[in-house]
Amino acid sequence: MTTCNQLEMRQAEESIRRIAETLGMIIDKPIGVESIQVESVEQRVAGSNSIHISFKLAFQYQGKLAHGALLIPLADAITIGCYLMMMPEESVKSQRAQSTLGAGLKDALMEVGNFVGGASAAALRGLGLDGIHVRSEGCQGVEANLVPAFVHPDKSPLVLGRARLRVDSWPAFEAILMLPALVSEASTSAPAA
């Protein structure tokens, strides 16, 4: 673990804030950002204590392609998906306890992934990184303490953002955002704020 430079910190922080804002807007429920910590790591990071949903992202810049992900605990990803489907509170509560997803909820989470990709792209554009394109590469469940599956060369730096988020009045949870080195490389050409 190492300290990130200012632009890397801004990239992670702005991406997390934009993702929370965008998802809150599409589900019509507030998603609060209680805290964000950013650091540089060389390995993918696992979510602990529970199954997580990995929203996989592809970043393209100047002909290069790199990958990252947003990890959200399963119950909280289900909550977001249920609200996207406009389920009533009682249904959301019962769905949060599930460990398997029905077809409708899987489709909703795929759509959430598309919004995560769009929000990430908007955040980076807002920081002056116009040449970066971000797209969703789907989502998958990841067992507790296992790293998400996405292409990441050994020892290649990742910008890691750990955020404490809260969907509406549900308990707060940790979301983990991993941005690839490609984003850091692009930051050297971005204007300072």
N, C-alpha and C. Protein backbone atom coordinates (compact mmCIF):
# COMPACT_ATOMS: atom_id res chain seq x y z
N MET A 1 0.84 -1.19 0.00
CA MET A 1 0.00 0.00 0.00
C MET A 1 0.88 1.24 0.00
N THR A 2 0.53 2.19 -0.85
CA THR A 2 1.24 3.46 -0.89
C THR A 2 0.23 4.59 -1.02
N THR A 3 0.73 5.78 -0.80
CA THR A 3 -0.11 6.95 -0.90
C THR A 3 -0.31 7.32 -2.37
N CYS A 4 -1.49 7.76 -2.69
CA CYS A 4 -1.80 8.19 -4.06
C CYS A 4 -1.43 9.66 -4.23
N ASN A 5 -1.23 10.06 -5.49
CA ASN A 5 -1.05 11.49 -5.73
C ASN A 5 -2.42 12.17 -5.69
N GLN A 6 -2.40 13.50 -5.75
CA GLN A 6 -3.64 14.26 -5.61
C GLN A 6 -4.66 13.94 -6.70
N LEU A 7 -4.19 13.80 -7.94
CA LEU A 7 -5.13 13.51 -9.03
C LEU A 7 -5.75 12.12 -8.88
N GLU A 8 -4.97 11.15 -8.46
CA GLU A 8 -5.52 9.81 -8.24
C GLU A 8 -6.57 9.84 -7.14
N MET A 9 -6.28 10.59 -6.08
CA MET A 9 -7.27 10.71 -4.99
C MET A 9 -8.55 11.35 -5.50
N ARG A 10 -8.40 12.41 -6.31
CA ARG A 10 -9.58 13.09 -6.85
C ARG A 10 -10.36 12.16 -7.77
N GLN A 11 -9.65 11.35 -8.57
CA GLN A 11 -10.33 10.42 -9.47
C GLN A 11 -11.19 9.44 -8.68
N ALA A 12 -10.62 8.84 -7.65
CA ALA A 12 -11.36 7.86 -6.86
C ALA A 12 -12.51 8.52 -6.11
N GLU A 13 -12.23 9.64 -5.45
CA GLU A 13 -13.27 10.33 -4.68
C GLU A 13 -14.41 10.79 -5.57
N GLU A 14 -14.08 11.43 -6.69
CA GLU A 14 -15.12 11.92 -7.59
C GLU A 14 -15.92 10.77 -8.19
N SER A 15 -15.24 9.68 -8.53
CA SER A 15 -15.94 8.52 -9.09
C SER A 15 -16.94 7.96 -8.08
N ILE A 16 -16.51 7.79 -6.85
CA ILE A 16 -17.41 7.26 -5.81
C ILE A 16 -18.60 8.18 -5.59
N ARG A 17 -18.32 9.47 -5.47
CA ARG A 17 -19.42 10.43 -5.26
C ARG A 17 -20.40 10.43 -6.43
N ARG A 18 -19.87 10.39 -7.65
CA ARG A 18 -20.74 10.41 -8.83
C ARG A 18 -21.56 9.13 -8.94
N ILE A 19 -20.94 8.00 -8.62
CA ILE A 19 -21.68 6.72 -8.64
C ILE A 19 -22.82 6.76 -7.63
N ALA A 20 -22.54 7.22 -6.41
CA ALA A 20 -23.57 7.30 -5.37
C ALA A 20 -24.69 8.25 -5.80
N GLU A 21 -24.32 9.38 -6.34
CA GLU A 21 -25.31 10.37 -6.77
C GLU A 21 -26.18 9.81 -7.91
N THR A 22 -25.54 9.19 -8.89
CA THR A 22 -26.27 8.65 -10.04
C THR A 22 -27.21 7.52 -9.61
N LEU A 23 -26.70 6.58 -8.82
CA LEU A 23 -27.55 5.48 -8.37
C LEU A 23 -28.70 5.99 -7.51
N GLY A 24 -28.42 6.95 -6.65
CA GLY A 24 -29.48 7.53 -5.82
C GLY A 24 -30.58 8.16 -6.68
N MET A 25 -30.15 8.81 -7.76
CA MET A 25 -31.12 9.45 -8.65
C MET A 25 -31.98 8.41 -9.37
N ILE A 26 -31.37 7.31 -9.84
CA ILE A 26 -32.16 6.34 -10.60
C ILE A 26 -33.08 5.50 -9.72
N ILE A 27 -32.71 5.33 -8.44
CA ILE A 27 -33.59 4.55 -7.55
C ILE A 27 -34.52 5.45 -6.74
N ASP A 28 -34.34 6.77 -6.86
CA ASP A 28 -35.15 7.74 -6.15
C ASP A 28 -35.05 7.57 -4.63
N LYS A 29 -33.84 7.23 -4.18
CA LYS A 29 -33.54 7.12 -2.75
C LYS A 29 -32.16 7.71 -2.54
N PRO A 30 -31.94 8.39 -1.42
CA PRO A 30 -30.61 8.95 -1.21
C PRO A 30 -29.57 7.86 -0.94
N ILE A 31 -28.39 8.03 -1.54
CA ILE A 31 -27.24 7.18 -1.21
C ILE A 31 -26.18 8.13 -0.68
N GLY A 32 -25.99 8.08 0.63
CA GLY A 32 -25.05 8.98 1.28
C GLY A 32 -23.64 8.42 1.27
N VAL A 33 -22.67 9.34 1.13
CA VAL A 33 -21.26 8.99 1.21
C VAL A 33 -20.76 9.49 2.56
N GLU A 34 -20.50 8.56 3.48
CA GLU A 34 -20.10 8.95 4.84
C GLU A 34 -18.60 9.16 4.97
N SER A 35 -17.81 8.41 4.21
CA SER A 35 -16.35 8.59 4.25
C SER A 35 -15.74 7.92 3.03
N ILE A 36 -14.54 8.39 2.65
CA ILE A 36 -13.79 7.80 1.55
C ILE A 36 -12.31 7.78 1.94
N GLN A 37 -11.67 6.64 1.73
CA GLN A 37 -10.22 6.52 1.93
C GLN A 37 -9.64 6.03 0.61
N VAL A 38 -8.53 6.61 0.19
CA VAL A 38 -7.92 6.26 -1.09
C VAL A 38 -6.45 5.90 -0.87
N GLU A 39 -6.01 4.84 -1.56
CA GLU A 39 -4.61 4.44 -1.51
C GLU A 39 -4.26 3.74 -2.82
N SER A 40 -2.98 3.51 -3.02
CA SER A 40 -2.51 2.78 -4.19
C SER A 40 -2.12 1.37 -3.75
N VAL A 41 -2.55 0.37 -4.52
CA VAL A 41 -2.23 -1.03 -4.23
C VAL A 41 -1.76 -1.70 -5.52
N GLU A 42 -1.15 -2.86 -5.39
CA GLU A 42 -0.67 -3.59 -6.56
C GLU A 42 -1.49 -4.85 -6.84
N GLN A 43 -2.41 -5.18 -5.97
CA GLN A 43 -3.22 -6.40 -6.13
C GLN A 43 -4.69 -6.04 -6.02
N ARG A 44 -5.53 -6.83 -6.68
CA ARG A 44 -6.97 -6.67 -6.50
C ARG A 44 -7.32 -6.92 -5.04
N VAL A 45 -8.38 -6.28 -4.57
CA VAL A 45 -8.78 -6.35 -3.17
C VAL A 45 -10.10 -7.10 -3.05
N ALA A 46 -10.23 -7.89 -1.99
CA ALA A 46 -11.45 -8.66 -1.74
C ALA A 46 -12.36 -7.93 -0.77
N GLY A 47 -13.65 -8.17 -0.93
CA GLY A 47 -14.62 -7.73 0.07
C GLY A 47 -14.66 -8.79 1.16
N SER A 48 -14.82 -8.37 2.39
CA SER A 48 -14.79 -9.33 3.50
C SER A 48 -16.18 -9.54 4.09
N ASN A 49 -16.32 -10.62 4.82
CA ASN A 49 -17.50 -10.94 5.65
C ASN A 49 -18.76 -11.39 4.92
N SER A 50 -18.86 -11.15 3.62
CA SER A 50 -20.08 -11.56 2.92
C SER A 50 -19.82 -11.65 1.42
N ILE A 51 -20.77 -12.25 0.72
CA ILE A 51 -20.72 -12.25 -0.74
C ILE A 51 -20.86 -10.80 -1.21
N HIS A 52 -20.14 -10.45 -2.27
CA HIS A 52 -20.22 -9.13 -2.87
C HIS A 52 -20.62 -9.27 -4.33
N ILE A 53 -21.18 -8.21 -4.86
CA ILE A 53 -21.40 -8.12 -6.31
C ILE A 53 -20.28 -7.24 -6.85
N SER A 54 -19.60 -7.76 -7.87
CA SER A 54 -18.54 -7.03 -8.54
C SER A 54 -19.11 -6.45 -9.83
N PHE A 55 -19.16 -5.12 -9.89
CA PHE A 55 -19.58 -4.43 -11.11
C PHE A 55 -18.29 -4.16 -11.89
N LYS A 56 -18.07 -4.96 -12.93
CA LYS A 56 -16.81 -4.90 -13.66
C LYS A 56 -16.82 -3.76 -14.67
N LEU A 57 -15.68 -3.07 -14.77
CA LEU A 57 -15.55 -1.90 -15.63
C LEU A 57 -14.35 -2.04 -16.55
N ALA A 58 -14.49 -1.54 -17.78
CA ALA A 58 -13.38 -1.49 -18.72
C ALA A 58 -13.09 -0.01 -19.02
N PHE A 59 -11.81 0.35 -18.95
CA PHE A 59 -11.36 1.71 -19.18
C PHE A 59 -10.49 1.71 -20.43
N GLN A 60 -10.81 2.57 -21.40
CA GLN A 60 -10.02 2.65 -22.62
C GLN A 60 -9.46 4.06 -22.74
N TYR A 61 -8.14 4.13 -23.01
CA TYR A 61 -7.47 5.42 -23.14
C TYR A 61 -6.32 5.28 -24.13
N GLN A 62 -6.34 6.09 -25.16
CA GLN A 62 -5.29 6.13 -26.18
C GLN A 62 -4.93 4.72 -26.68
N GLY A 63 -5.93 3.94 -26.99
CA GLY A 63 -5.72 2.60 -27.54
C GLY A 63 -5.39 1.54 -26.51
N LYS A 64 -5.24 1.92 -25.26
CA LYS A 64 -4.96 0.94 -24.19
C LYS A 64 -6.27 0.57 -23.50
N LEU A 65 -6.34 -0.65 -23.04
CA LEU A 65 -7.52 -1.13 -22.32
C LEU A 65 -7.09 -1.68 -20.97
N ALA A 66 -7.76 -1.27 -19.91
CA ALA A 66 -7.49 -1.77 -18.56
C ALA A 66 -8.82 -1.97 -17.86
N HIS A 67 -8.79 -2.64 -16.73
CA HIS A 67 -10.02 -3.04 -16.05
C HIS A 67 -10.00 -2.66 -14.58
N GLY A 68 -11.19 -2.56 -14.03
CA GLY A 68 -11.38 -2.28 -12.62
C GLY A 68 -12.73 -2.82 -12.20
N ALA A 69 -13.14 -2.46 -11.00
CA ALA A 69 -14.43 -2.95 -10.51
C ALA A 69 -14.89 -2.13 -9.31
N LEU A 70 -16.18 -2.20 -9.09
CA LEU A 70 -16.80 -1.67 -7.87
C LEU A 70 -17.41 -2.86 -7.15
N LEU A 71 -17.01 -3.09 -5.90
CA LEU A 71 -17.56 -4.17 -5.09
C LEU A 71 -18.57 -3.60 -4.09
N ILE A 72 -19.74 -4.21 -4.07
CA ILE A 72 -20.79 -3.82 -3.12
C ILE A 72 -21.31 -5.11 -2.47
N PRO A 73 -21.47 -5.12 -1.14
CA PRO A 73 -22.01 -6.32 -0.49
C PRO A 73 -23.35 -6.72 -1.13
N LEU A 74 -23.58 -8.03 -1.21
CA LEU A 74 -24.76 -8.56 -1.89
C LEU A 74 -26.05 -7.92 -1.40
N ALA A 75 -26.27 -7.86 -0.10
CA ALA A 75 -27.54 -7.31 0.42
C ALA A 75 -27.76 -5.88 -0.05
N ASP A 76 -26.69 -5.10 -0.12
CA ASP A 76 -26.83 -3.70 -0.52
C ASP A 76 -27.01 -3.56 -2.02
N ALA A 77 -26.34 -4.43 -2.79
CA ALA A 77 -26.57 -4.45 -4.24
C ALA A 77 -28.01 -4.86 -4.53
N ILE A 78 -28.52 -5.85 -3.79
CA ILE A 78 -29.91 -6.27 -3.94
C ILE A 78 -30.85 -5.10 -3.64
N THR A 79 -30.55 -4.35 -2.59
CA THR A 79 -31.37 -3.21 -2.21
C THR A 79 -31.46 -2.22 -3.37
N ILE A 80 -30.32 -1.90 -3.97
CA ILE A 80 -30.29 -0.96 -5.09
C ILE A 80 -31.09 -1.53 -6.26
N GLY A 81 -30.89 -2.81 -6.56
CA GLY A 81 -31.62 -3.45 -7.65
C GLY A 81 -33.13 -3.47 -7.41
N CYS A 82 -33.52 -3.75 -6.17
CA CYS A 82 -34.96 -3.76 -5.84
C CYS A 82 -35.58 -2.39 -6.00
N TYR A 83 -34.88 -1.36 -5.53
CA TYR A 83 -35.41 0.00 -5.70
C TYR A 83 -35.48 0.38 -7.16
N LEU A 84 -34.51 -0.07 -7.97
CA LEU A 84 -34.57 0.20 -9.40
C LEU A 84 -35.82 -0.44 -10.01
N MET A 85 -36.21 -1.60 -9.48
CA MET A 85 -37.41 -2.29 -9.94
C MET A 85 -38.68 -1.75 -9.28
N MET A 86 -38.53 -0.73 -8.44
CA MET A 86 -39.63 -0.07 -7.74
C MET A 86 -40.40 -1.01 -6.82
N MET A 87 -39.68 -1.90 -6.16
CA MET A 87 -40.32 -2.81 -5.19
C MET A 87 -40.67 -2.05 -3.92
N PRO A 88 -41.75 -2.45 -3.24
CA PRO A 88 -42.09 -1.83 -1.95
C PRO A 88 -41.09 -2.24 -0.86
N GLU A 89 -41.06 -1.47 0.20
CA GLU A 89 -40.09 -1.69 1.29
C GLU A 89 -40.11 -3.11 1.84
N GLU A 90 -41.29 -3.69 2.02
CA GLU A 90 -41.36 -5.05 2.57
C GLU A 90 -40.70 -6.07 1.65
N SER A 91 -40.86 -5.88 0.34
CA SER A 91 -40.21 -6.78 -0.62
C SER A 91 -38.71 -6.60 -0.60
N VAL A 92 -38.26 -5.33 -0.49
CA VAL A 92 -36.83 -5.06 -0.41
C VAL A 92 -36.24 -5.77 0.81
N LYS A 93 -36.94 -5.65 1.93
CA LYS A 93 -36.46 -6.27 3.18
C LYS A 93 -36.33 -7.78 3.02
N SER A 94 -37.30 -8.44 2.42
CA SER A 94 -37.23 -9.90 2.26
C SER A 94 -36.17 -10.29 1.23
N GLN A 95 -36.01 -9.49 0.18
CA GLN A 95 -35.02 -9.79 -0.85
C GLN A 95 -33.59 -9.66 -0.32
N ARG A 96 -33.37 -8.71 0.60
CA ARG A 96 -32.02 -8.51 1.15
C ARG A 96 -31.48 -9.76 1.83
N ALA A 97 -32.35 -10.61 2.31
CA ALA A 97 -31.93 -11.83 3.01
C ALA A 97 -31.60 -12.97 2.05
N GLN A 98 -31.86 -12.80 0.76
CA GLN A 98 -31.65 -13.87 -0.22
C GLN A 98 -30.18 -14.00 -0.58
N SER A 99 -29.78 -15.22 -0.94
CA SER A 99 -28.40 -15.41 -1.42
C SER A 99 -28.39 -15.82 -2.90
N THR A 100 -29.56 -16.05 -3.46
CA THR A 100 -29.66 -16.31 -4.90
C THR A 100 -30.61 -15.28 -5.50
N LEU A 101 -30.35 -14.93 -6.74
CA LEU A 101 -31.11 -13.87 -7.37
C LEU A 101 -32.00 -14.42 -8.48
N GLY A 102 -33.23 -13.91 -8.55
CA GLY A 102 -34.12 -14.25 -9.65
C GLY A 102 -33.70 -13.51 -10.91
N ALA A 103 -34.28 -13.90 -12.03
CA ALA A 103 -33.92 -13.31 -13.33
C ALA A 103 -34.15 -11.80 -13.36
N GLY A 104 -35.27 -11.34 -12.79
CA GLY A 104 -35.57 -9.91 -12.80
C GLY A 104 -34.53 -9.10 -12.04
N LEU A 105 -34.11 -9.61 -10.88
CA LEU A 105 -33.13 -8.91 -10.08
C LEU A 105 -31.75 -8.96 -10.75
N LYS A 106 -31.42 -10.07 -11.40
CA LYS A 106 -30.16 -10.14 -12.15
C LYS A 106 -30.14 -9.08 -13.25
N ASP A 107 -31.25 -8.95 -13.96
CA ASP A 107 -31.34 -7.93 -15.01
C ASP A 107 -31.19 -6.53 -14.42
N ALA A 108 -31.81 -6.30 -13.27
CA ALA A 108 -31.72 -5.00 -12.61
C ALA A 108 -30.27 -4.69 -12.24
N LEU A 109 -29.54 -5.69 -11.74
CA LEU A 109 -28.14 -5.46 -11.36
C LEU A 109 -27.27 -5.21 -12.59
N MET A 110 -27.60 -5.85 -13.70
CA MET A 110 -26.86 -5.55 -14.94
C MET A 110 -27.09 -4.08 -15.33
N GLU A 111 -28.30 -3.62 -15.16
CA GLU A 111 -28.61 -2.22 -15.46
C GLU A 111 -27.89 -1.29 -14.48
N VAL A 112 -27.83 -1.68 -13.20
CA VAL A 112 -27.06 -0.90 -12.22
C VAL A 112 -25.61 -0.79 -12.69
N GLY A 113 -25.05 -1.89 -13.18
CA GLY A 113 -23.68 -1.88 -13.69
C GLY A 113 -23.50 -0.87 -14.82
N ASN A 114 -24.49 -0.77 -15.69
CA ASN A 114 -24.42 0.23 -16.77
C ASN A 114 -24.38 1.64 -16.21
N PHE A 115 -25.18 1.90 -15.18
CA PHE A 115 -25.17 3.22 -14.55
C PHE A 115 -23.84 3.48 -13.84
N VAL A 116 -23.25 2.46 -13.22
CA VAL A 116 -21.94 2.61 -12.57
C VAL A 116 -20.89 2.99 -13.62
N GLY A 117 -20.92 2.31 -14.77
CA GLY A 117 -19.99 2.65 -15.84
C GLY A 117 -20.18 4.07 -16.34
N GLY A 118 -21.42 4.47 -16.56
CA GLY A 118 -21.71 5.82 -17.02
C GLY A 118 -21.30 6.88 -16.01
N ALA A 119 -21.54 6.61 -14.73
CA ALA A 119 -21.16 7.56 -13.69
C ALA A 119 -19.64 7.68 -13.58
N SER A 120 -18.95 6.56 -13.73
CA SER A 120 -17.48 6.60 -13.69
C SER A 120 -16.94 7.43 -14.83
N ALA A 121 -17.49 7.24 -16.02
CA ALA A 121 -17.05 8.02 -17.18
C ALA A 121 -17.32 9.51 -16.96
N ALA A 122 -18.50 9.84 -16.44
CA ALA A 122 -18.84 11.23 -16.20
C ALA A 122 -17.91 11.86 -15.16
N ALA A 123 -17.58 11.11 -14.13
CA ALA A 123 -16.67 11.62 -13.10
C ALA A 123 -15.31 11.94 -13.69
N LEU A 124 -14.78 11.06 -14.50
CA LEU A 124 -13.46 11.27 -15.09
C LEU A 124 -13.48 12.42 -16.10
N ARG A 125 -14.56 12.52 -16.88
CA ARG A 125 -14.69 13.66 -17.79
C ARG A 125 -14.75 14.97 -17.01
N GLY A 126 -15.44 14.95 -15.87
CA GLY A 126 -15.54 16.14 -15.03
C GLY A 126 -14.20 16.59 -14.48
N LEU A 127 -13.24 15.69 -14.45
CA LEU A 127 -11.89 16.03 -14.00
C LEU A 127 -10.96 16.38 -15.17
N GLY A 128 -11.53 16.47 -16.37
CA GLY A 128 -10.75 16.85 -17.53
C GLY A 128 -10.12 15.68 -18.27
N LEU A 129 -10.54 14.47 -17.97
CA LEU A 129 -9.98 13.27 -18.62
C LEU A 129 -10.90 12.85 -19.77
N ASP A 130 -11.01 13.73 -20.76
CA ASP A 130 -11.96 13.51 -21.85
C ASP A 130 -11.63 12.32 -22.73
N GLY A 131 -10.38 11.89 -22.79
CA GLY A 131 -10.00 10.80 -23.68
C GLY A 131 -10.26 9.41 -23.13
N ILE A 132 -10.78 9.32 -21.90
CA ILE A 132 -11.03 8.01 -21.29
C ILE A 132 -12.48 7.60 -21.52
N HIS A 133 -12.67 6.37 -21.97
CA HIS A 133 -14.02 5.81 -22.14
C HIS A 133 -14.17 4.67 -21.14
N VAL A 134 -15.32 4.63 -20.47
CA VAL A 134 -15.59 3.59 -19.47
C VAL A 134 -16.88 2.89 -19.86
N ARG A 135 -16.86 1.57 -19.76
CA ARG A 135 -18.09 0.81 -20.02
C ARG A 135 -18.21 -0.32 -19.00
N SER A 136 -19.43 -0.72 -18.76
CA SER A 136 -19.70 -1.85 -17.88
C SER A 136 -19.36 -3.14 -18.61
N GLU A 137 -18.78 -4.08 -17.89
CA GLU A 137 -18.54 -5.42 -18.43
C GLU A 137 -19.32 -6.46 -17.63
N GLY A 138 -20.49 -6.03 -17.15
CA GLY A 138 -21.36 -6.95 -16.42
C GLY A 138 -21.06 -6.99 -14.94
N CYS A 139 -21.70 -7.92 -14.28
CA CYS A 139 -21.49 -8.06 -12.84
C CYS A 139 -21.49 -9.54 -12.48
N GLN A 140 -20.90 -9.85 -11.34
CA GLN A 140 -20.88 -11.23 -10.89
C GLN A 140 -20.78 -11.26 -9.37
N GLY A 141 -21.28 -12.35 -8.79
CA GLY A 141 -21.14 -12.55 -7.36
C GLY A 141 -19.73 -13.03 -7.03
N VAL A 142 -19.20 -12.54 -5.91
CA VAL A 142 -17.87 -12.92 -5.47
C VAL A 142 -17.97 -13.32 -3.99
N GLU A 143 -17.50 -14.53 -3.68
CA GLU A 143 -17.52 -15.00 -2.29
C GLU A 143 -16.71 -14.07 -1.39
N ALA A 144 -17.04 -14.05 -0.11
CA ALA A 144 -16.29 -13.25 0.86
C ALA A 144 -14.82 -13.62 0.82
N ASN A 145 -13.98 -12.62 0.92
CA ASN A 145 -12.52 -12.77 1.00
C ASN A 145 -11.88 -13.29 -0.29
N LEU A 146 -12.61 -13.30 -1.39
CA LEU A 146 -12.03 -13.63 -2.69
C LEU A 146 -11.99 -12.37 -3.54
N VAL A 147 -10.94 -12.23 -4.34
CA VAL A 147 -10.82 -11.04 -5.19
C VAL A 147 -11.73 -11.18 -6.41
N PRO A 148 -12.24 -10.07 -6.91
CA PRO A 148 -13.08 -10.13 -8.10
C PRO A 148 -12.26 -10.49 -9.34
N ALA A 149 -12.92 -11.10 -10.30
CA ALA A 149 -12.26 -11.51 -11.54
C ALA A 149 -12.29 -10.37 -12.55
N PHE A 150 -11.14 -9.79 -12.81
CA PHE A 150 -10.96 -8.89 -13.94
C PHE A 150 -9.48 -8.89 -14.28
N VAL A 151 -9.18 -8.56 -15.52
CA VAL A 151 -7.80 -8.61 -15.98
C VAL A 151 -6.98 -7.56 -15.24
N HIS A 152 -5.91 -8.01 -14.58
CA HIS A 152 -5.03 -7.10 -13.86
C HIS A 152 -3.62 -7.68 -13.83
N PRO A 153 -2.71 -7.11 -14.61
CA PRO A 153 -1.33 -7.62 -14.61
C PRO A 153 -0.70 -7.53 -13.22
N ASP A 154 0.10 -8.54 -12.85
CA ASP A 154 0.78 -8.52 -11.55
C ASP A 154 1.59 -7.25 -11.37
N LYS A 155 1.53 -6.72 -10.15
CA LYS A 155 2.29 -5.54 -9.73
C LYS A 155 1.90 -4.25 -10.45
N SER A 156 0.84 -4.29 -11.22
CA SER A 156 0.36 -3.07 -11.87
C SER A 156 -0.46 -2.29 -10.85
N PRO A 157 -0.18 -1.00 -10.67
CA PRO A 157 -0.87 -0.27 -9.61
C PRO A 157 -2.37 -0.09 -9.88
N LEU A 158 -3.12 -0.15 -8.81
CA LEU A 158 -4.55 0.16 -8.82
C LEU A 158 -4.78 1.29 -7.82
N VAL A 159 -5.68 2.19 -8.14
CA VAL A 159 -6.12 3.20 -7.18
C VAL A 159 -7.33 2.61 -6.48
N LEU A 160 -7.21 2.46 -5.19
CA LEU A 160 -8.24 1.80 -4.38
C LEU A 160 -8.99 2.83 -3.54
N GLY A 161 -10.30 2.90 -3.75
CA GLY A 161 -11.14 3.76 -2.94
C GLY A 161 -12.06 2.91 -2.08
N ARG A 162 -12.00 3.12 -0.78
CA ARG A 162 -12.92 2.44 0.15
C ARG A 162 -13.88 3.50 0.68
N ALA A 163 -15.17 3.29 0.43
CA ALA A 163 -16.16 4.28 0.83
C ALA A 163 -17.19 3.66 1.76
N ARG A 164 -17.60 4.43 2.73
CA ARG A 164 -18.69 4.04 3.60
C ARG A 164 -19.94 4.70 3.03
N LEU A 165 -20.86 3.86 2.50
CA LEU A 165 -22.08 4.36 1.87
C LEU A 165 -23.31 3.91 2.66
N ARG A 166 -24.40 4.63 2.45
CA ARG A 166 -25.67 4.27 3.08
C ARG A 166 -26.80 4.51 2.09
N VAL A 167 -27.57 3.45 1.79
CA VAL A 167 -28.73 3.58 0.93
C VAL A 167 -29.94 3.87 1.81
N ASP A 168 -30.49 5.07 1.65
CA ASP A 168 -31.66 5.50 2.40
C ASP A 168 -31.44 5.29 3.89
N SER A 169 -32.30 4.51 4.56
CA SER A 169 -32.14 4.31 6.02
C SER A 169 -31.55 2.95 6.36
N TRP A 170 -31.07 2.20 5.36
CA TRP A 170 -30.44 0.90 5.62
C TRP A 170 -29.08 1.10 6.27
N PRO A 171 -28.54 0.06 6.92
CA PRO A 171 -27.22 0.21 7.56
C PRO A 171 -26.13 0.57 6.54
N ALA A 172 -25.15 1.32 7.00
CA ALA A 172 -24.03 1.70 6.14
C ALA A 172 -23.21 0.47 5.79
N PHE A 173 -22.52 0.53 4.66
CA PHE A 173 -21.70 -0.58 4.19
C PHE A 173 -20.45 -0.04 3.51
N GLU A 174 -19.46 -0.92 3.32
CA GLU A 174 -18.24 -0.52 2.61
C GLU A 174 -18.34 -0.91 1.15
N ALA A 175 -18.15 0.07 0.28
CA ALA A 175 -18.02 -0.17 -1.17
C ALA A 175 -16.55 0.00 -1.51
N ILE A 176 -16.05 -0.85 -2.41
CA ILE A 176 -14.64 -0.82 -2.79
C ILE A 176 -14.54 -0.56 -4.29
N LEU A 177 -13.88 0.53 -4.66
CA LEU A 177 -13.69 0.87 -6.06
C LEU A 177 -12.22 0.68 -6.42
N MET A 178 -11.96 -0.07 -7.48
CA MET A 178 -10.60 -0.26 -7.97
C MET A 178 -10.49 0.33 -9.36
N LEU A 179 -9.65 1.37 -9.50
CA LEU A 179 -9.40 2.01 -10.78
C LEU A 179 -8.04 1.54 -11.30
N PRO A 180 -7.92 1.25 -12.59
CA PRO A 180 -6.66 0.75 -13.12
C PRO A 180 -5.60 1.83 -13.28
N ALA A 181 -4.36 1.38 -13.46
CA ALA A 181 -3.23 2.28 -13.68
C ALA A 181 -3.46 3.16 -14.90
N LEU A 182 -4.18 2.69 -15.86
CA LEU A 182 -4.48 3.44 -17.06
C LEU A 182 -5.08 4.80 -16.71
N VAL A 183 -5.93 4.81 -15.70
CA VAL A 183 -6.55 6.06 -15.26
C VAL A 183 -5.49 6.96 -14.65
N SER A 184 -4.55 6.38 -13.89
CA SER A 184 -3.48 7.17 -13.28
C SER A 184 -2.58 7.77 -14.35
N GLU A 185 -2.29 7.00 -15.39
CA GLU A 185 -1.45 7.51 -16.48
C GLU A 185 -2.12 8.70 -17.15
N ALA A 186 -3.42 8.63 -17.33
CA ALA A 186 -4.15 9.72 -17.97
C ALA A 186 -4.13 10.98 -17.11
N SER A 187 -4.03 10.80 -15.79
CA SER A 187 -4.08 11.93 -14.89
C SER A 187 -2.91 12.88 -15.08
N THR A 188 -1.79 12.38 -15.60
CA THR A 188 -0.64 13.25 -15.79
C THR A 188 -0.89 14.32 -16.83
N SER A 189 -1.87 14.11 -17.70
CA SER A 189 -2.20 15.10 -18.72
C SER A 189 -3.44 15.91 -18.36
N ALA A 190 -4.07 15.58 -17.24
CA ALA A 190 -5.29 16.29 -16.84
C ALA A 190 -4.94 17.62 -16.18
N PRO A 191 -5.76 18.65 -16.38
CA PRO A 191 -5.51 19.93 -15.73
C PRO A 191 -5.79 19.84 -14.24
N ALA A 192 -5.06 20.58 -13.46
CA ALA A 192 -5.29 20.62 -12.01
C ALA A 192 -6.50 21.48 -11.73
N ALA A 193 -7.23 21.14 -10.69
CA ALA A 193 -8.44 21.92 -10.34
C ALA A 193 -8.06 23.07 -9.45
